[in-house]
């Protein structure tokens, strides 16, 4: 299928376990697009954060902020033959974790650093938010079996899920497609994936669109 020229940069977001990296891989393969993935495994503080969040939240957050900033600066160094780009995160998601985990003084220092760099960050042509429920998220986290996530509590995922919903229900930086992803399996069900792709590239979308596969069927 032809892909619209006005949607060159797609970013996919969601809580841990929502399937954003998997969808980014599938979508980039279908489009022949450059794939940009968040390098979370490069953060040496992340395993320590899951063990002791109060002590390691600030180090973890600052490392992610600078790492994401560096990667975002490289986004548009695209090969001439790769006219599309798909990412599994947006830079602004950094704020969700910062406001959730940092103490007051840490947050002030974080915000002063953020203010100096966020103006130069490119905005996606479309953001896809994979909205899920805690039960599905915990199931996906358990299935992928990452050691650093073994002690992740349901309470933390619940809190994170609420923070993501709050953030994206007020998001206005780019066109947004909110997908009720707990109702579909775009990995194992080809029809679910094809239907989702159709929604992503459907013309004449509103600035904010909701895709609920249950009501559609």
N, C-alpha and C. Protein backbone atom coordinates (compact mmCIF):
# COMPACT_ATOMS: atom_id res chain seq x y z
N UNK A 1 0.84 -1.19 0.00
CA UNK A 1 0.00 0.00 0.00
C UNK A 1 0.88 1.24 0.00
N UNK A 2 0.46 2.32 -0.63
CA UNK A 2 1.24 3.57 -0.61
C UNK A 2 1.12 4.23 0.76
N UNK A 3 2.21 4.81 1.24
CA UNK A 3 2.20 5.47 2.53
C UNK A 3 2.20 6.98 2.33
N UNK A 4 1.36 7.71 3.07
CA UNK A 4 1.23 9.16 2.87
C UNK A 4 2.55 9.89 3.04
N UNK A 5 2.78 10.85 2.18
CA UNK A 5 4.03 11.62 2.24
C UNK A 5 4.08 12.53 3.46
N UNK A 6 2.91 12.85 4.04
CA UNK A 6 2.90 13.76 5.18
C UNK A 6 3.08 13.03 6.51
N UNK A 7 3.21 11.70 6.47
CA UNK A 7 3.50 10.94 7.68
C UNK A 7 4.83 10.22 7.49
N UNK A 8 5.90 10.93 7.74
CA UNK A 8 7.24 10.37 7.54
C UNK A 8 7.83 9.87 8.85
N UNK A 9 7.44 10.48 9.96
CA UNK A 9 8.03 10.15 11.25
C UNK A 9 6.91 9.73 12.21
N UNK A 10 6.87 8.44 12.54
CA UNK A 10 5.86 7.88 13.43
C UNK A 10 6.54 7.45 14.74
N UNK A 11 5.96 7.85 15.86
CA UNK A 11 6.47 7.44 17.17
C UNK A 11 5.38 6.66 17.90
N UNK A 12 5.77 5.54 18.50
CA UNK A 12 4.83 4.67 19.20
C UNK A 12 5.14 4.71 20.69
N UNK A 13 4.10 4.88 21.50
CA UNK A 13 4.28 4.99 22.94
C UNK A 13 3.33 4.05 23.68
N UNK A 14 3.66 3.83 24.94
CA UNK A 14 2.84 2.99 25.79
C UNK A 14 3.60 2.62 27.05
N UNK A 15 2.89 2.13 28.04
CA UNK A 15 3.50 1.71 29.29
C UNK A 15 4.38 0.48 29.04
N UNK A 16 5.30 0.21 29.94
CA UNK A 16 6.13 -0.99 29.88
C UNK A 16 5.25 -2.22 29.65
N UNK A 17 5.53 -2.97 28.58
CA UNK A 17 4.75 -4.17 28.28
C UNK A 17 3.60 -3.95 27.32
N UNK A 18 3.42 -2.73 26.82
CA UNK A 18 2.30 -2.44 25.92
C UNK A 18 2.52 -2.98 24.51
N UNK A 19 3.78 -3.23 24.15
CA UNK A 19 4.08 -3.75 22.81
C UNK A 19 4.58 -2.71 21.83
N UNK A 20 5.05 -1.57 22.34
CA UNK A 20 5.45 -0.49 21.45
C UNK A 20 6.67 -0.84 20.60
N UNK A 21 7.65 -1.53 21.18
CA UNK A 21 8.83 -1.89 20.40
C UNK A 21 8.49 -2.93 19.34
N UNK A 22 7.66 -3.89 19.70
CA UNK A 22 7.23 -4.91 18.74
C UNK A 22 6.48 -4.28 17.57
N UNK A 23 5.55 -3.38 17.87
CA UNK A 23 4.80 -2.71 16.80
C UNK A 23 5.72 -1.84 15.96
N UNK A 24 6.67 -1.17 16.59
CA UNK A 24 7.62 -0.33 15.83
C UNK A 24 8.41 -1.19 14.85
N UNK A 25 8.85 -2.35 15.28
CA UNK A 25 9.59 -3.25 14.39
C UNK A 25 8.72 -3.71 13.22
N UNK A 26 7.49 -4.11 13.53
CA UNK A 26 6.59 -4.62 12.49
C UNK A 26 6.23 -3.52 11.49
N UNK A 27 5.96 -2.33 12.01
CA UNK A 27 5.56 -1.23 11.15
C UNK A 27 6.72 -0.75 10.28
N UNK A 28 7.91 -0.68 10.84
CA UNK A 28 9.06 -0.24 10.05
C UNK A 28 9.38 -1.24 8.95
N UNK A 29 9.20 -2.53 9.25
CA UNK A 29 9.44 -3.56 8.23
C UNK A 29 8.42 -3.44 7.10
N UNK A 30 7.17 -3.22 7.45
CA UNK A 30 6.13 -3.10 6.43
C UNK A 30 6.34 -1.87 5.55
N UNK A 31 6.84 -0.78 6.16
CA UNK A 31 7.02 0.49 5.44
C UNK A 31 8.39 0.60 4.76
N UNK A 32 9.32 -0.27 5.14
CA UNK A 32 10.69 -0.10 4.67
C UNK A 32 11.32 1.13 5.29
N UNK A 33 10.95 1.40 6.55
CA UNK A 33 11.36 2.63 7.24
C UNK A 33 12.57 2.38 8.13
N UNK A 34 13.28 3.44 8.44
CA UNK A 34 14.36 3.38 9.42
C UNK A 34 13.74 3.18 10.80
N UNK A 35 14.33 2.29 11.59
CA UNK A 35 13.82 1.98 12.93
C UNK A 35 14.71 2.61 13.98
N UNK A 36 14.11 3.36 14.90
CA UNK A 36 14.84 3.99 16.01
C UNK A 36 14.26 3.46 17.31
N UNK A 37 15.07 2.74 18.08
CA UNK A 37 14.61 2.14 19.33
C UNK A 37 15.29 2.80 20.52
N UNK A 38 14.54 2.92 21.60
CA UNK A 38 15.12 3.46 22.83
C UNK A 38 16.16 2.49 23.36
N UNK A 39 17.32 3.00 23.73
CA UNK A 39 18.43 2.17 24.18
C UNK A 39 18.41 2.03 25.71
N UNK A 40 17.35 1.43 26.24
CA UNK A 40 17.20 1.35 27.69
C UNK A 40 18.27 0.47 28.32
N UNK A 41 18.76 -0.53 27.55
CA UNK A 41 19.74 -1.44 28.13
C UNK A 41 21.09 -0.77 28.36
N UNK A 42 21.29 0.41 27.76
CA UNK A 42 22.55 1.13 27.96
C UNK A 42 22.60 1.86 29.30
N UNK A 43 21.46 1.99 29.96
CA UNK A 43 21.40 2.74 31.22
C UNK A 43 21.88 1.84 32.37
N UNK A 44 23.06 2.12 32.91
CA UNK A 44 23.60 1.25 33.97
C UNK A 44 22.85 1.36 35.29
N UNK A 45 22.03 2.41 35.44
CA UNK A 45 21.30 2.62 36.69
C UNK A 45 19.94 1.94 36.72
N UNK A 46 19.45 1.49 35.56
CA UNK A 46 18.09 0.97 35.49
C UNK A 46 17.87 -0.27 36.36
N UNK A 47 18.73 -1.28 36.29
CA UNK A 47 18.52 -2.44 37.19
C UNK A 47 18.54 -2.04 38.66
N UNK A 48 19.41 -1.07 39.00
CA UNK A 48 19.49 -0.60 40.38
C UNK A 48 18.22 0.15 40.77
N UNK A 49 17.63 0.87 39.80
CA UNK A 49 16.40 1.60 40.07
C UNK A 49 15.26 0.65 40.42
N UNK A 50 15.16 -0.47 39.70
CA UNK A 50 14.11 -1.43 39.99
C UNK A 50 14.31 -2.08 41.36
N UNK A 51 15.56 -2.15 41.82
CA UNK A 51 15.86 -2.70 43.15
C UNK A 51 15.60 -1.67 44.25
N UNK A 52 15.99 -0.42 44.00
CA UNK A 52 15.90 0.64 45.01
C UNK A 52 15.55 1.97 44.33
N UNK A 53 14.27 2.16 43.98
CA UNK A 53 13.87 3.35 43.20
C UNK A 53 14.14 4.67 43.91
N UNK A 54 14.00 4.72 45.20
CA UNK A 54 14.21 5.98 45.92
C UNK A 54 15.65 6.46 45.79
N UNK A 55 16.58 5.55 45.80
CA UNK A 55 18.00 5.91 45.78
C UNK A 55 18.52 6.19 44.37
N UNK A 56 17.98 5.47 43.38
CA UNK A 56 18.56 5.53 42.03
C UNK A 56 17.67 6.24 40.99
N UNK A 57 16.57 6.83 41.42
CA UNK A 57 15.65 7.47 40.47
C UNK A 57 16.32 8.61 39.72
N UNK A 58 17.05 9.48 40.43
CA UNK A 58 17.61 10.66 39.79
C UNK A 58 18.69 10.29 38.77
N UNK A 59 19.62 9.40 39.14
CA UNK A 59 20.67 8.97 38.22
C UNK A 59 20.07 8.32 36.97
N UNK A 60 19.07 7.47 37.20
CA UNK A 60 18.42 6.79 36.09
C UNK A 60 17.77 7.79 35.14
N UNK A 61 17.08 8.77 35.71
CA UNK A 61 16.34 9.74 34.91
C UNK A 61 17.26 10.64 34.10
N UNK A 62 18.33 11.12 34.70
CA UNK A 62 19.25 12.01 33.99
C UNK A 62 19.96 11.26 32.87
N UNK A 63 20.34 10.01 33.11
CA UNK A 63 20.98 9.22 32.06
C UNK A 63 20.02 9.06 30.88
N UNK A 64 18.76 8.73 31.16
CA UNK A 64 17.77 8.58 30.09
C UNK A 64 17.56 9.90 29.35
N UNK A 65 17.46 10.99 30.07
CA UNK A 65 17.23 12.29 29.44
C UNK A 65 18.33 12.62 28.44
N UNK A 66 19.58 12.46 28.84
CA UNK A 66 20.70 12.81 27.96
C UNK A 66 20.85 11.81 26.82
N UNK A 67 20.57 10.55 27.10
CA UNK A 67 20.65 9.52 26.05
C UNK A 67 19.59 9.74 24.99
N UNK A 68 18.36 10.04 25.43
CA UNK A 68 17.28 10.30 24.49
C UNK A 68 17.54 11.57 23.70
N UNK A 69 18.09 12.57 24.35
CA UNK A 69 18.41 13.82 23.65
C UNK A 69 19.44 13.58 22.55
N UNK A 70 20.49 12.85 22.87
CA UNK A 70 21.52 12.55 21.86
C UNK A 70 20.93 11.79 20.68
N UNK A 71 20.09 10.81 20.97
CA UNK A 71 19.51 10.01 19.90
C UNK A 71 18.55 10.84 19.04
N UNK A 72 17.78 11.71 19.68
CA UNK A 72 16.84 12.54 18.94
C UNK A 72 17.57 13.51 18.00
N UNK A 73 18.73 13.97 18.39
CA UNK A 73 19.51 14.87 17.55
C UNK A 73 19.96 14.18 16.26
N UNK A 74 20.03 12.86 16.29
CA UNK A 74 20.49 12.10 15.13
C UNK A 74 19.34 11.62 14.25
N UNK A 75 18.09 11.91 14.65
CA UNK A 75 16.93 11.32 13.98
C UNK A 75 16.86 11.62 12.49
N UNK A 76 17.19 12.83 12.10
CA UNK A 76 16.98 13.20 10.72
C UNK A 76 18.24 13.08 9.85
N UNK A 77 19.21 12.36 10.34
CA UNK A 77 20.35 11.99 9.51
C UNK A 77 19.98 10.67 8.80
N UNK A 78 18.97 10.76 7.95
CA UNK A 78 18.38 9.59 7.32
C UNK A 78 18.96 9.39 5.92
N UNK A 79 19.14 8.13 5.56
CA UNK A 79 19.60 7.83 4.22
C UNK A 79 18.61 8.36 3.18
N UNK A 80 19.13 8.75 2.01
CA UNK A 80 18.29 9.30 0.96
C UNK A 80 17.18 8.34 0.54
N UNK A 81 17.43 7.04 0.64
CA UNK A 81 16.45 6.06 0.19
C UNK A 81 15.52 5.61 1.32
N UNK A 82 15.67 6.17 2.50
CA UNK A 82 14.78 5.86 3.62
C UNK A 82 14.00 7.12 3.97
N UNK A 83 12.82 7.24 3.40
CA UNK A 83 12.04 8.47 3.57
C UNK A 83 11.11 8.41 4.76
N UNK A 84 11.04 7.25 5.44
CA UNK A 84 10.17 7.12 6.60
C UNK A 84 10.98 6.65 7.81
N UNK A 85 10.48 7.01 8.99
CA UNK A 85 11.15 6.67 10.23
C UNK A 85 10.11 6.26 11.27
N UNK A 86 10.40 5.19 12.01
CA UNK A 86 9.50 4.72 13.07
C UNK A 86 10.31 4.57 14.35
N UNK A 87 9.79 5.14 15.45
CA UNK A 87 10.47 5.08 16.74
C UNK A 87 9.55 4.47 17.78
N UNK A 88 10.13 3.86 18.81
CA UNK A 88 9.31 3.25 19.87
C UNK A 88 9.22 4.14 21.12
N UNK A 89 9.44 5.44 20.95
CA UNK A 89 9.25 6.36 22.07
C UNK A 89 9.20 7.80 21.55
N UNK A 90 8.66 8.70 22.38
CA UNK A 90 8.76 10.13 22.13
C UNK A 90 9.60 10.74 23.25
N UNK A 91 10.29 11.81 22.94
CA UNK A 91 11.17 12.44 23.92
C UNK A 91 10.38 12.93 25.14
N UNK A 92 9.18 13.41 24.92
CA UNK A 92 8.40 13.99 26.01
C UNK A 92 7.99 12.98 27.07
N UNK A 93 8.05 11.68 26.73
CA UNK A 93 7.69 10.66 27.71
C UNK A 93 8.60 10.71 28.93
N UNK A 94 9.77 11.31 28.77
CA UNK A 94 10.72 11.41 29.86
C UNK A 94 10.10 12.11 31.07
N UNK A 95 9.24 13.09 30.79
CA UNK A 95 8.60 13.84 31.87
C UNK A 95 7.70 12.96 32.73
N UNK A 96 7.05 11.98 32.11
CA UNK A 96 6.14 11.11 32.85
C UNK A 96 6.87 10.43 34.00
N UNK A 97 8.04 9.86 33.68
CA UNK A 97 8.81 9.15 34.70
C UNK A 97 9.42 10.11 35.71
N UNK A 98 9.87 11.26 35.23
CA UNK A 98 10.49 12.24 36.13
C UNK A 98 9.50 12.71 37.19
N UNK A 99 8.29 13.08 36.78
CA UNK A 99 7.31 13.60 37.72
C UNK A 99 6.80 12.50 38.65
N UNK A 100 6.96 11.25 38.23
CA UNK A 100 6.49 10.13 39.02
C UNK A 100 7.51 9.69 40.07
N UNK A 101 8.80 9.87 39.77
CA UNK A 101 9.83 9.26 40.61
C UNK A 101 10.75 10.24 41.35
N UNK A 102 10.88 11.48 40.87
CA UNK A 102 11.86 12.39 41.45
C UNK A 102 11.30 13.18 42.63
N UNK A 103 12.19 13.51 43.55
CA UNK A 103 11.83 14.36 44.68
C UNK A 103 11.87 15.83 44.24
N UNK A 104 11.36 16.72 45.08
CA UNK A 104 11.18 18.13 44.70
C UNK A 104 12.47 18.78 44.21
N UNK A 105 13.54 18.67 44.98
CA UNK A 105 14.79 19.31 44.59
C UNK A 105 15.39 18.68 43.34
N UNK A 106 15.26 17.38 43.23
CA UNK A 106 15.74 16.67 42.04
C UNK A 106 14.95 17.12 40.82
N UNK A 107 13.65 17.30 41.01
CA UNK A 107 12.78 17.70 39.90
C UNK A 107 13.13 19.10 39.41
N UNK A 108 13.48 19.99 40.30
CA UNK A 108 13.88 21.35 39.91
C UNK A 108 15.13 21.31 39.03
N UNK A 109 16.10 20.51 39.42
CA UNK A 109 17.34 20.38 38.65
C UNK A 109 17.06 19.73 37.30
N UNK A 110 16.21 18.71 37.30
CA UNK A 110 15.81 18.04 36.05
C UNK A 110 15.13 19.03 35.10
N UNK A 111 14.20 19.81 35.62
CA UNK A 111 13.46 20.75 34.77
C UNK A 111 14.35 21.84 34.20
N UNK A 112 15.34 22.29 34.97
CA UNK A 112 16.26 23.31 34.46
C UNK A 112 17.09 22.78 33.30
N UNK A 113 17.47 21.52 33.38
CA UNK A 113 18.21 20.88 32.30
C UNK A 113 17.31 20.64 31.09
N UNK A 114 16.10 20.17 31.36
CA UNK A 114 15.14 19.88 30.28
C UNK A 114 14.81 21.14 29.48
N UNK A 115 14.63 22.26 30.15
CA UNK A 115 14.25 23.51 29.49
C UNK A 115 15.28 23.94 28.45
N UNK A 116 16.54 23.65 28.70
CA UNK A 116 17.60 24.09 27.79
C UNK A 116 17.71 23.22 26.54
N UNK A 117 17.14 22.02 26.56
CA UNK A 117 17.36 21.11 25.43
C UNK A 117 16.11 20.72 24.65
N UNK A 118 14.92 20.82 25.27
CA UNK A 118 13.74 20.25 24.62
C UNK A 118 13.27 21.04 23.39
N UNK A 119 13.68 22.31 23.27
CA UNK A 119 13.22 23.11 22.13
C UNK A 119 13.78 22.62 20.80
N UNK A 120 14.89 21.92 20.84
CA UNK A 120 15.51 21.45 19.60
C UNK A 120 15.10 20.03 19.21
N UNK A 121 14.12 19.48 19.91
CA UNK A 121 13.69 18.10 19.64
C UNK A 121 12.65 18.09 18.52
N UNK A 122 12.85 17.29 17.47
CA UNK A 122 11.87 17.20 16.38
C UNK A 122 10.59 16.49 16.83
N UNK A 123 9.44 16.96 16.34
CA UNK A 123 8.16 16.36 16.69
C UNK A 123 7.74 15.34 15.63
N UNK A 124 7.15 14.23 16.04
CA UNK A 124 6.66 13.23 15.06
C UNK A 124 5.50 13.78 14.23
N UNK A 125 5.29 13.17 13.08
CA UNK A 125 4.12 13.49 12.26
C UNK A 125 2.88 12.79 12.81
N UNK A 126 3.10 11.68 13.54
CA UNK A 126 1.99 10.95 14.17
C UNK A 126 2.53 10.20 15.38
N UNK A 127 1.80 10.29 16.50
CA UNK A 127 2.11 9.52 17.70
C UNK A 127 1.01 8.48 17.90
N UNK A 128 1.40 7.24 18.14
CA UNK A 128 0.46 6.16 18.41
C UNK A 128 0.62 5.76 19.87
N UNK A 129 -0.44 5.93 20.65
CA UNK A 129 -0.40 5.54 22.06
C UNK A 129 -1.14 4.23 22.23
N UNK A 130 -0.41 3.17 22.62
CA UNK A 130 -1.01 1.86 22.86
C UNK A 130 -1.53 1.83 24.29
N UNK A 131 -2.81 2.05 24.43
CA UNK A 131 -3.44 2.08 25.75
C UNK A 131 -3.83 0.66 26.15
N UNK A 132 -3.41 0.24 27.32
CA UNK A 132 -3.69 -1.12 27.75
C UNK A 132 -4.16 -1.13 29.19
N UNK A 133 -4.50 -2.32 29.70
CA UNK A 133 -4.88 -2.43 31.11
C UNK A 133 -3.76 -3.11 31.89
N UNK A 134 -3.80 -2.99 33.19
CA UNK A 134 -2.71 -3.48 34.03
C UNK A 134 -2.55 -4.99 33.91
N UNK A 135 -3.66 -5.71 33.85
CA UNK A 135 -3.59 -7.17 33.73
C UNK A 135 -2.82 -7.61 32.49
N UNK A 136 -3.12 -6.98 31.36
CA UNK A 136 -2.43 -7.32 30.10
C UNK A 136 -0.97 -6.90 30.16
N UNK A 137 -0.69 -5.76 30.75
CA UNK A 137 0.69 -5.28 30.85
C UNK A 137 1.53 -6.22 31.70
N UNK A 138 1.01 -6.63 32.85
CA UNK A 138 1.74 -7.54 33.73
C UNK A 138 1.96 -8.89 33.05
N UNK A 139 0.98 -9.34 32.31
CA UNK A 139 1.12 -10.61 31.57
C UNK A 139 2.25 -10.52 30.55
N UNK A 140 2.29 -9.42 29.81
CA UNK A 140 3.33 -9.24 28.78
C UNK A 140 4.72 -9.11 29.41
N UNK A 141 4.80 -8.40 30.54
CA UNK A 141 6.09 -8.25 31.24
C UNK A 141 6.60 -9.61 31.70
N UNK A 142 5.70 -10.43 32.23
CA UNK A 142 6.09 -11.76 32.69
C UNK A 142 6.53 -12.65 31.53
N UNK A 143 5.81 -12.57 30.41
CA UNK A 143 6.12 -13.41 29.26
C UNK A 143 7.49 -13.12 28.66
N UNK A 144 7.90 -11.84 28.64
CA UNK A 144 9.18 -11.54 28.01
C UNK A 144 10.37 -11.81 28.93
N UNK A 145 10.12 -11.94 30.23
CA UNK A 145 11.11 -12.48 31.15
C UNK A 145 12.41 -11.71 31.29
N UNK A 146 12.36 -10.40 31.29
CA UNK A 146 13.58 -9.62 31.53
C UNK A 146 13.91 -9.64 33.02
N UNK A 147 15.15 -9.99 33.33
CA UNK A 147 15.55 -10.16 34.73
C UNK A 147 15.34 -8.88 35.54
N UNK A 148 15.67 -7.74 34.93
CA UNK A 148 15.57 -6.49 35.67
C UNK A 148 14.13 -6.11 36.01
N UNK A 149 13.16 -6.75 35.31
CA UNK A 149 11.75 -6.42 35.54
C UNK A 149 11.04 -7.42 36.46
N UNK A 150 11.77 -8.40 36.98
CA UNK A 150 11.16 -9.46 37.76
C UNK A 150 10.45 -8.95 39.02
N UNK A 151 10.99 -7.90 39.63
CA UNK A 151 10.41 -7.40 40.87
C UNK A 151 9.48 -6.21 40.65
N UNK A 152 9.12 -5.96 39.40
CA UNK A 152 8.23 -4.84 39.10
C UNK A 152 6.83 -5.15 39.63
N UNK A 153 6.30 -4.28 40.46
CA UNK A 153 5.03 -4.56 41.13
C UNK A 153 3.84 -4.12 40.29
N UNK A 154 2.72 -4.73 40.56
CA UNK A 154 1.47 -4.36 39.89
C UNK A 154 1.08 -2.93 40.27
N UNK A 155 1.41 -2.53 41.52
CA UNK A 155 1.10 -1.17 41.98
C UNK A 155 1.87 -0.14 41.16
N UNK A 156 3.13 -0.43 40.86
CA UNK A 156 3.94 0.50 40.06
C UNK A 156 3.39 0.63 38.64
N UNK A 157 3.02 -0.51 38.04
CA UNK A 157 2.46 -0.48 36.69
C UNK A 157 1.12 0.24 36.67
N UNK A 158 0.32 0.06 37.72
CA UNK A 158 -0.95 0.78 37.82
C UNK A 158 -0.73 2.29 37.87
N UNK A 159 0.24 2.70 38.69
CA UNK A 159 0.56 4.12 38.82
C UNK A 159 1.10 4.68 37.51
N UNK A 160 1.95 3.90 36.85
CA UNK A 160 2.52 4.33 35.57
C UNK A 160 1.44 4.41 34.50
N UNK A 161 0.53 3.46 34.50
CA UNK A 161 -0.55 3.45 33.52
C UNK A 161 -1.44 4.68 33.67
N UNK A 162 -1.74 5.04 34.90
CA UNK A 162 -2.55 6.23 35.16
C UNK A 162 -1.82 7.49 34.72
N UNK A 163 -0.50 7.53 34.94
CA UNK A 163 0.29 8.69 34.54
C UNK A 163 0.32 8.83 33.02
N UNK A 164 0.45 7.73 32.31
CA UNK A 164 0.45 7.75 30.84
C UNK A 164 -0.90 8.23 30.32
N UNK A 165 -1.98 7.70 30.88
CA UNK A 165 -3.31 8.12 30.44
C UNK A 165 -3.51 9.62 30.67
N UNK A 166 -3.10 10.09 31.82
CA UNK A 166 -3.23 11.52 32.13
C UNK A 166 -2.44 12.35 31.11
N UNK A 167 -1.23 11.91 30.81
CA UNK A 167 -0.36 12.64 29.88
C UNK A 167 -0.96 12.69 28.48
N UNK A 168 -1.40 11.54 27.96
CA UNK A 168 -1.84 11.50 26.57
C UNK A 168 -3.26 12.04 26.37
N UNK A 169 -4.07 12.06 27.40
CA UNK A 169 -5.38 12.68 27.26
C UNK A 169 -5.27 14.20 27.18
N UNK A 170 -4.07 14.72 27.44
CA UNK A 170 -3.82 16.17 27.35
C UNK A 170 -2.73 16.50 26.33
N UNK A 171 -2.31 15.53 25.59
CA UNK A 171 -1.19 15.70 24.65
C UNK A 171 -1.64 16.47 23.41
N UNK A 172 -0.87 17.49 23.02
CA UNK A 172 -1.24 18.31 21.86
C UNK A 172 -0.05 18.62 20.96
N UNK A 173 1.10 18.01 21.22
CA UNK A 173 2.31 18.37 20.48
C UNK A 173 2.33 17.83 19.05
N UNK A 174 1.57 16.76 18.78
CA UNK A 174 1.55 16.14 17.45
C UNK A 174 0.23 15.41 17.28
N UNK A 175 -0.17 15.10 16.04
CA UNK A 175 -1.37 14.28 15.82
C UNK A 175 -1.24 12.96 16.60
N UNK A 176 -2.35 12.53 17.19
CA UNK A 176 -2.33 11.40 18.12
C UNK A 176 -3.39 10.37 17.77
N UNK A 177 -2.99 9.10 17.74
CA UNK A 177 -3.92 7.98 17.59
C UNK A 177 -3.83 7.13 18.85
N UNK A 178 -4.93 7.07 19.62
CA UNK A 178 -4.99 6.27 20.84
C UNK A 178 -5.63 4.93 20.49
N UNK A 179 -4.89 3.85 20.72
CA UNK A 179 -5.33 2.51 20.35
C UNK A 179 -5.60 1.70 21.61
N UNK A 180 -6.79 1.14 21.73
CA UNK A 180 -7.11 0.26 22.85
C UNK A 180 -6.48 -1.10 22.56
N UNK A 181 -5.21 -1.21 22.88
CA UNK A 181 -4.43 -2.38 22.43
C UNK A 181 -4.68 -3.63 23.25
N UNK A 182 -5.32 -3.50 24.41
CA UNK A 182 -5.62 -4.69 25.20
C UNK A 182 -6.66 -5.57 24.52
N UNK A 183 -7.34 -5.03 23.51
CA UNK A 183 -8.40 -5.77 22.82
C UNK A 183 -7.92 -6.43 21.53
N UNK A 184 -6.64 -6.27 21.17
CA UNK A 184 -6.15 -6.86 19.93
C UNK A 184 -4.83 -7.59 20.17
N UNK A 185 -4.45 -8.43 19.22
CA UNK A 185 -3.16 -9.12 19.25
C UNK A 185 -2.53 -8.95 17.87
N UNK A 186 -1.88 -7.80 17.67
CA UNK A 186 -1.31 -7.51 16.36
C UNK A 186 -0.06 -8.33 16.06
N UNK A 187 0.46 -9.04 17.07
CA UNK A 187 1.63 -9.89 16.85
C UNK A 187 1.22 -11.24 16.24
N UNK A 188 0.22 -11.88 16.81
CA UNK A 188 -0.17 -13.22 16.37
C UNK A 188 -1.34 -13.22 15.38
N UNK A 189 -2.06 -12.12 15.31
CA UNK A 189 -3.23 -12.07 14.44
C UNK A 189 -2.97 -11.07 13.30
N UNK A 190 -2.76 -11.58 12.11
CA UNK A 190 -2.42 -10.72 10.97
C UNK A 190 -3.54 -9.73 10.67
N UNK A 191 -4.80 -10.17 10.83
CA UNK A 191 -5.92 -9.27 10.55
C UNK A 191 -5.93 -8.09 11.51
N UNK A 192 -5.60 -8.36 12.77
CA UNK A 192 -5.51 -7.26 13.75
C UNK A 192 -4.44 -6.26 13.33
N UNK A 193 -3.30 -6.76 12.88
CA UNK A 193 -2.22 -5.87 12.46
C UNK A 193 -2.63 -5.08 11.22
N UNK A 194 -3.23 -5.76 10.24
CA UNK A 194 -3.65 -5.08 9.01
C UNK A 194 -4.70 -4.01 9.30
N UNK A 195 -5.63 -4.33 10.21
CA UNK A 195 -6.66 -3.34 10.58
C UNK A 195 -6.02 -2.13 11.26
N UNK A 196 -5.03 -2.38 12.09
CA UNK A 196 -4.35 -1.28 12.78
C UNK A 196 -3.58 -0.41 11.79
N UNK A 197 -2.89 -1.03 10.85
CA UNK A 197 -2.17 -0.27 9.82
C UNK A 197 -3.14 0.60 9.02
N UNK A 198 -4.30 0.03 8.72
CA UNK A 198 -5.32 0.80 7.99
C UNK A 198 -5.75 2.03 8.77
N UNK A 199 -5.89 1.89 10.09
CA UNK A 199 -6.26 3.02 10.93
C UNK A 199 -5.15 4.07 10.99
N UNK A 200 -3.91 3.61 11.04
CA UNK A 200 -2.77 4.51 11.13
C UNK A 200 -2.69 5.43 9.91
N UNK A 201 -2.93 4.86 8.73
CA UNK A 201 -2.76 5.62 7.50
C UNK A 201 -4.08 6.06 6.86
N UNK A 202 -5.17 5.95 7.63
CA UNK A 202 -6.46 6.41 7.11
C UNK A 202 -6.41 7.92 6.90
N UNK A 203 -6.82 8.41 5.74
CA UNK A 203 -6.73 9.85 5.45
C UNK A 203 -7.74 10.67 6.25
N UNK A 204 -7.50 11.96 6.31
CA UNK A 204 -8.42 12.93 6.90
C UNK A 204 -8.74 12.64 8.37
N UNK A 205 -7.71 12.26 9.12
CA UNK A 205 -7.91 12.01 10.55
C UNK A 205 -7.98 13.32 11.32
N UNK A 206 -8.68 13.29 12.46
CA UNK A 206 -8.73 14.43 13.37
C UNK A 206 -7.39 14.52 14.12
N UNK A 207 -7.11 15.66 14.77
CA UNK A 207 -5.85 15.79 15.53
C UNK A 207 -5.69 14.71 16.60
N UNK A 208 -6.83 14.28 17.18
CA UNK A 208 -6.80 13.16 18.13
C UNK A 208 -7.85 12.14 17.70
N UNK A 209 -7.42 10.90 17.51
CA UNK A 209 -8.31 9.83 17.09
C UNK A 209 -8.25 8.68 18.10
N UNK A 210 -9.38 7.99 18.30
CA UNK A 210 -9.46 6.84 19.17
C UNK A 210 -9.82 5.61 18.32
N UNK A 211 -9.06 4.54 18.49
CA UNK A 211 -9.35 3.31 17.78
C UNK A 211 -9.66 2.22 18.80
N UNK A 212 -10.94 1.85 18.87
CA UNK A 212 -11.41 0.79 19.75
C UNK A 212 -11.84 -0.38 18.89
N UNK A 213 -11.02 -1.42 18.76
CA UNK A 213 -11.34 -2.54 17.88
C UNK A 213 -12.64 -3.24 18.22
N UNK A 214 -13.04 -3.24 19.49
CA UNK A 214 -14.28 -3.91 19.88
C UNK A 214 -15.48 -3.22 19.25
N UNK A 215 -15.56 -1.87 19.42
CA UNK A 215 -16.69 -1.13 18.86
C UNK A 215 -16.67 -1.16 17.34
N UNK A 216 -15.46 -1.23 16.75
CA UNK A 216 -15.35 -1.27 15.29
C UNK A 216 -15.92 -2.57 14.74
N UNK A 217 -15.65 -3.68 15.44
CA UNK A 217 -16.15 -4.97 14.99
C UNK A 217 -17.64 -5.13 15.24
